[in-house]
């Protein structure tokens, strides 16, 4: 039995490890229908948060989720969205060739930059988009101060 040893510069070893990792990823993706690919993991539902002087507005993409199946909990500092997206049933004889849409329970907590008034929050849903309007707490809103004259 012969043992052959050779030394490579460290950057060649790391390049070889990267090549090997890419090859293993390719094998798993092709061999298991993409079930183990890194791109599959995501955050659901995706949200945007924007503000104006009086409020924050959170929008969340919730296609396939009925508004009555979404639970929204608001504190002064955060919004929690909970719900479930049900699996679409292709029937007993369905043979999926690609299945990318995730389903199941979700819970998403979004921290807010400043305090809001949880008693004045409103939520609506249009075309699979959830809109949550979060009025800022009165003490964090900017105020205009009038200058008095002593003359």
C-alpha atoms as a PDB file:
ATOM      1  CA  UNK A   1       0.000   0.000   0.000  1.00  0.00           C
ATOM      2  CA  UNK A   2       1.383   3.373  -0.988  1.00  0.00           C
ATOM      3  CA  UNK A   3       0.528   6.656   0.634  1.00  0.00           C
ATOM      4  CA  UNK A   4       1.107   9.719  -1.444  1.00  0.00           C
ATOM      5  CA  UNK A   5       1.221  13.055   0.298  1.00  0.00           C
ATOM      6  CA  UNK A   6       1.431  16.412  -1.323  1.00  0.00           C
ATOM      7  CA  UNK A   7       1.106  19.926  -0.078  1.00  0.00           C
ATOM      8  CA  UNK A   8      -0.889  22.661  -1.684  1.00  0.00           C
ATOM      9  CA  UNK A   9      -1.002  26.319  -0.805  1.00  0.00           C
ATOM     10  CA  UNK A  10      -3.825  27.124   1.631  1.00  0.00           C
ATOM     11  CA  UNK A  11      -5.851  29.081  -0.984  1.00  0.00           C
ATOM     12  CA  UNK A  12      -5.883  25.998  -3.265  1.00  0.00           C
ATOM     13  CA  UNK A  13      -7.296  23.891  -0.424  1.00  0.00           C
ATOM     14  CA  UNK A  14     -10.100  26.364   0.214  1.00  0.00           C
ATOM     15  CA  UNK A  15     -10.859  26.576  -3.500  1.00  0.00           C
ATOM     16  CA  UNK A  16     -11.051  22.779  -3.645  1.00  0.00           C
ATOM     17  CA  UNK A  17     -13.356  22.711  -0.589  1.00  0.00           C
ATOM     18  CA  UNK A  18     -15.631  25.279  -2.262  1.00  0.00           C
ATOM     19  CA  UNK A  19     -15.679  23.221  -5.470  1.00  0.00           C
ATOM     20  CA  UNK A  20     -16.556  20.099  -3.484  1.00  0.00           C
ATOM     21  CA  UNK A  21     -19.343  21.901  -1.597  1.00  0.00           C
ATOM     22  CA  UNK A  22     -20.808  23.185  -4.872  1.00  0.00           C
ATOM     23  CA  UNK A  23     -20.702  19.692  -6.339  1.00  0.00           C
ATOM     24  CA  UNK A  24     -22.471  18.209  -3.295  1.00  0.00           C
ATOM     25  CA  UNK A  25     -25.113  20.977  -3.472  1.00  0.00           C
ATOM     26  CA  UNK A  26     -25.656  20.160  -7.160  1.00  0.00           C
ATOM     27  CA  UNK A  27     -26.050  16.439  -6.433  1.00  0.00           C
ATOM     28  CA  UNK A  28     -28.597  17.095  -3.666  1.00  0.00           C
ATOM     29  CA  UNK A  29     -30.513  19.565  -5.831  1.00  0.00           C
ATOM     30  CA  UNK A  30     -30.733  17.243  -8.827  1.00  0.00           C
ATOM     31  CA  UNK A  31     -31.098  14.015  -6.883  1.00  0.00           C
ATOM     32  CA  UNK A  32     -33.787  15.199  -4.468  1.00  0.00           C
ATOM     33  CA  UNK A  33     -35.748  17.637  -6.625  1.00  0.00           C
ATOM     34  CA  UNK A  34     -34.245  20.733  -5.043  1.00  0.00           C
ATOM     35  CA  UNK A  35     -35.577  19.814  -1.606  1.00  0.00           C
ATOM     36  CA  UNK A  36     -32.310  20.696   0.175  1.00  0.00           C
ATOM     37  CA  UNK A  37     -31.229  23.843  -1.653  1.00  0.00           C
ATOM     38  CA  UNK A  38     -30.297  26.910   0.354  1.00  0.00           C
ATOM     39  CA  UNK A  39     -32.542  29.218  -1.684  1.00  0.00           C
ATOM     40  CA  UNK A  40     -35.628  27.409  -0.385  1.00  0.00           C
ATOM     41  CA  UNK A  41     -35.388  28.866   3.105  1.00  0.00           C
ATOM     42  CA  UNK A  42     -37.136  32.190   3.338  1.00  0.00           C
ATOM     43  CA  UNK A  43     -39.071  34.342   5.719  1.00  0.00           C
ATOM     44  CA  UNK A  44     -42.840  34.173   5.446  1.00  0.00           C
ATOM     45  CA  UNK A  45     -44.668  36.383   5.172  1.00  0.00           C
ATOM     46  CA  UNK A  46     -42.401  38.997   3.601  1.00  0.00           C
ATOM     47  CA  UNK A  47     -43.163  42.426   5.053  1.00  0.00           C
ATOM     48  CA  UNK A  48     -42.451  46.088   4.445  1.00  0.00           C
ATOM     49  CA  UNK A  49     -42.716  48.794   7.094  1.00  0.00           C
ATOM     50  CA  UNK A  50     -42.824  52.490   6.258  1.00  0.00           C
ATOM     51  CA  UNK A  51     -43.743  55.595   8.193  1.00  0.00           C
ATOM     52  CA  UNK A  52     -45.048  59.105   7.893  1.00  0.00           C
ATOM     53  CA  UNK A  53     -45.211  61.705  10.652  1.00  0.00           C
ATOM     54  CA  UNK A  54     -48.224  60.122  12.403  1.00  0.00           C
ATOM     55  CA  UNK A  55     -48.021  56.381  11.805  1.00  0.00           C
ATOM     56  CA  UNK A  56     -46.225  53.265  10.665  1.00  0.00           C
ATOM     57  CA  UNK A  57     -47.735  51.024   8.017  1.00  0.00           C
ATOM     58  CA  UNK A  58     -46.823  47.362   7.832  1.00  0.00           C
ATOM     59  CA  UNK A  59     -47.675  45.479   4.639  1.00  0.00           C
ATOM     60  CA  UNK A  60     -47.391  41.706   4.422  1.00  0.00           C
ATOM     61  CA  UNK A  61     -47.788  39.400   1.429  1.00  0.00           C
ATOM     62  CA  UNK A  62     -50.238  36.649   2.358  1.00  0.00           C
ATOM     63  CA  UNK A  63     -51.404  34.988  -0.860  1.00  0.00           C
ATOM     64  CA  UNK A  64     -53.714  32.077  -0.243  1.00  0.00           C
ATOM     65  CA  UNK A  65     -54.390  33.069   3.384  1.00  0.00           C
ATOM     66  CA  UNK A  66     -57.880  34.198   4.332  1.00  0.00           C
ATOM     67  CA  UNK A  67     -58.001  37.391   6.445  1.00  0.00           C
ATOM     68  CA  UNK A  68     -59.961  35.585   9.162  1.00  0.00           C
ATOM     69  CA  UNK A  69     -57.105  33.051   9.444  1.00  0.00           C
ATOM     70  CA  UNK A  70     -54.571  35.742  10.415  1.00  0.00           C
ATOM     71  CA  UNK A  71     -54.035  36.735  14.046  1.00  0.00           C
ATOM     72  CA  UNK A  72     -52.412  40.127  14.660  1.00  0.00           C
ATOM     73  CA  UNK A  73     -51.032  41.031  18.087  1.00  0.00           C
ATOM     74  CA  UNK A  74     -49.678  44.533  18.698  1.00  0.00           C
ATOM     75  CA  UNK A  75     -47.678  45.863  21.620  1.00  0.00           C
ATOM     76  CA  UNK A  76     -46.205  49.343  21.888  1.00  0.00           C
ATOM     77  CA  UNK A  77     -42.976  48.090  20.285  1.00  0.00           C
ATOM     78  CA  UNK A  78     -43.844  45.186  17.972  1.00  0.00           C
ATOM     79  CA  UNK A  79     -46.357  43.487  15.698  1.00  0.00           C
ATOM     80  CA  UNK A  80     -46.822  39.714  15.611  1.00  0.00           C
ATOM     81  CA  UNK A  81     -48.512  38.006  12.666  1.00  0.00           C
ATOM     82  CA  UNK A  82     -49.675  34.402  13.120  1.00  0.00           C
ATOM     83  CA  UNK A  83     -51.577  32.147  10.825  1.00  0.00           C
ATOM     84  CA  UNK A  84     -51.506  29.210   8.526  1.00  0.00           C
ATOM     85  CA  UNK A  85     -51.282  28.825   4.785  1.00  0.00           C
ATOM     86  CA  UNK A  86     -53.018  25.618   3.830  1.00  0.00           C
ATOM     87  CA  UNK A  87     -51.556  23.192   1.356  1.00  0.00           C
ATOM     88  CA  UNK A  88     -53.142  23.218  -2.076  1.00  0.00           C
ATOM     89  CA  UNK A  89     -54.422  19.792  -2.876  1.00  0.00           C
ATOM     90  CA  UNK A  90     -53.737  18.562  -6.378  1.00  0.00           C
ATOM     91  CA  UNK A  91     -55.870  15.495  -5.789  1.00  0.00           C
ATOM     92  CA  UNK A  92     -55.022  11.865  -5.139  1.00  0.00           C
ATOM     93  CA  UNK A  93     -53.472  11.301  -8.537  1.00  0.00           C
ATOM     94  CA  UNK A  94     -51.424  14.517  -8.631  1.00  0.00           C
ATOM     95  CA  UNK A  95     -47.773  14.042  -9.462  1.00  0.00           C
ATOM     96  CA  UNK A  96     -45.933  17.278  -8.664  1.00  0.00           C
ATOM     97  CA  UNK A  97     -43.003  18.196 -10.900  1.00  0.00           C
ATOM     98  CA  UNK A  98     -42.141  21.285  -8.882  1.00  0.00           C
ATOM     99  CA  UNK A  99     -43.360  22.357  -5.471  1.00  0.00           C
ATOM    100  CA  UNK A 100     -41.937  25.706  -4.360  1.00  0.00           C
ATOM    101  CA  UNK A 101     -44.839  27.341  -2.531  1.00  0.00           C
ATOM    102  CA  UNK A 102     -44.458  26.765   1.172  1.00  0.00           C
ATOM    103  CA  UNK A 103     -47.375  25.991   3.436  1.00  0.00           C
ATOM    104  CA  UNK A 104     -47.977  25.494   7.117  1.00  0.00           C
ATOM    105  CA  UNK A 105     -48.110  27.643  10.221  1.00  0.00           C
ATOM    106  CA  UNK A 106     -46.214  30.898  10.403  1.00  0.00           C
ATOM    107  CA  UNK A 107     -45.338  33.410  13.090  1.00  0.00           C
ATOM    108  CA  UNK A 108     -43.569  36.661  12.278  1.00  0.00           C
ATOM    109  CA  UNK A 109     -42.575  39.292  14.845  1.00  0.00           C
ATOM    110  CA  UNK A 110     -41.630  42.730  13.546  1.00  0.00           C
ATOM    111  CA  UNK A 111     -40.008  45.249  15.888  1.00  0.00           C
ATOM    112  CA  UNK A 112     -41.036  48.871  15.456  1.00  0.00           C
ATOM    113  CA  UNK A 113     -38.602  51.819  15.591  1.00  0.00           C
ATOM    114  CA  UNK A 114     -40.754  53.769  18.087  1.00  0.00           C
ATOM    115  CA  UNK A 115     -43.748  53.143  20.299  1.00  0.00           C
ATOM    116  CA  UNK A 116     -47.238  52.964  18.811  1.00  0.00           C
ATOM    117  CA  UNK A 117     -50.737  53.179  20.294  1.00  0.00           C
ATOM    118  CA  UNK A 118     -52.003  49.562  20.221  1.00  0.00           C
ATOM    119  CA  UNK A 119     -55.586  50.719  20.870  1.00  0.00           C
ATOM    120  CA  UNK A 120     -55.818  52.567  17.540  1.00  0.00           C
ATOM    121  CA  UNK A 121     -54.364  49.934  15.197  1.00  0.00           C
ATOM    122  CA  UNK A 122     -56.368  49.017  12.087  1.00  0.00           C
ATOM    123  CA  UNK A 123     -55.874  46.151   9.633  1.00  0.00           C
ATOM    124  CA  UNK A 124     -57.276  45.540   6.154  1.00  0.00           C
ATOM    125  CA  UNK A 125     -56.599  43.024   3.416  1.00  0.00           C
ATOM    126  CA  UNK A 126     -56.709  43.567  -0.364  1.00  0.00           C
ATOM    127  CA  UNK A 127     -55.671  41.107  -3.062  1.00  0.00           C
ATOM    128  CA  UNK A 128     -53.545  38.988  -0.703  1.00  0.00           C
ATOM    129  CA  UNK A 129     -51.774  41.972   0.873  1.00  0.00           C
ATOM    130  CA  UNK A 130     -52.338  42.734   4.552  1.00  0.00           C
ATOM    131  CA  UNK A 131     -52.146  46.424   5.575  1.00  0.00           C
ATOM    132  CA  UNK A 132     -51.666  47.177   9.279  1.00  0.00           C
ATOM    133  CA  UNK A 133     -51.838  50.873  10.219  1.00  0.00           C
ATOM    134  CA  UNK A 134     -50.063  51.619  13.500  1.00  0.00           C
ATOM    135  CA  UNK A 135     -50.559  55.171  14.834  1.00  0.00           C
ATOM    136  CA  UNK A 136     -47.516  56.483  16.688  1.00  0.00           C
ATOM    137  CA  UNK A 137     -47.872  57.109  20.409  1.00  0.00           C
ATOM    138  CA  UNK A 138     -48.658  60.773  21.080  1.00  0.00           C
ATOM    139  CA  UNK A 139     -45.481  61.384  23.066  1.00  0.00           C
ATOM    140  CA  UNK A 140     -43.211  60.255  20.202  1.00  0.00           C
ATOM    141  CA  UNK A 141     -44.855  62.361  17.486  1.00  0.00           C
ATOM    142  CA  UNK A 142     -42.954  65.488  16.497  1.00  0.00           C
ATOM    143  CA  UNK A 143     -44.497  68.667  17.866  1.00  0.00           C
ATOM    144  CA  UNK A 144     -44.249  72.179  16.618  1.00  0.00           C
ATOM    145  CA  UNK A 145     -43.506  74.693  19.345  1.00  0.00           C
ATOM    146  CA  UNK A 146     -44.748  78.243  18.978  1.00  0.00           C
ATOM    147  CA  UNK A 147     -42.281  80.909  20.063  1.00  0.00           C
ATOM    148  CA  UNK A 148     -43.753  83.494  22.387  1.00  0.00           C
ATOM    149  CA  UNK A 149     -42.639  87.055  22.385  1.00  0.00           C
ATOM    150  CA  UNK A 150     -42.033  89.022  25.580  1.00  0.00           C
ATOM    151  CA  UNK A 151     -42.256  92.433  23.843  1.00  0.00           C
END
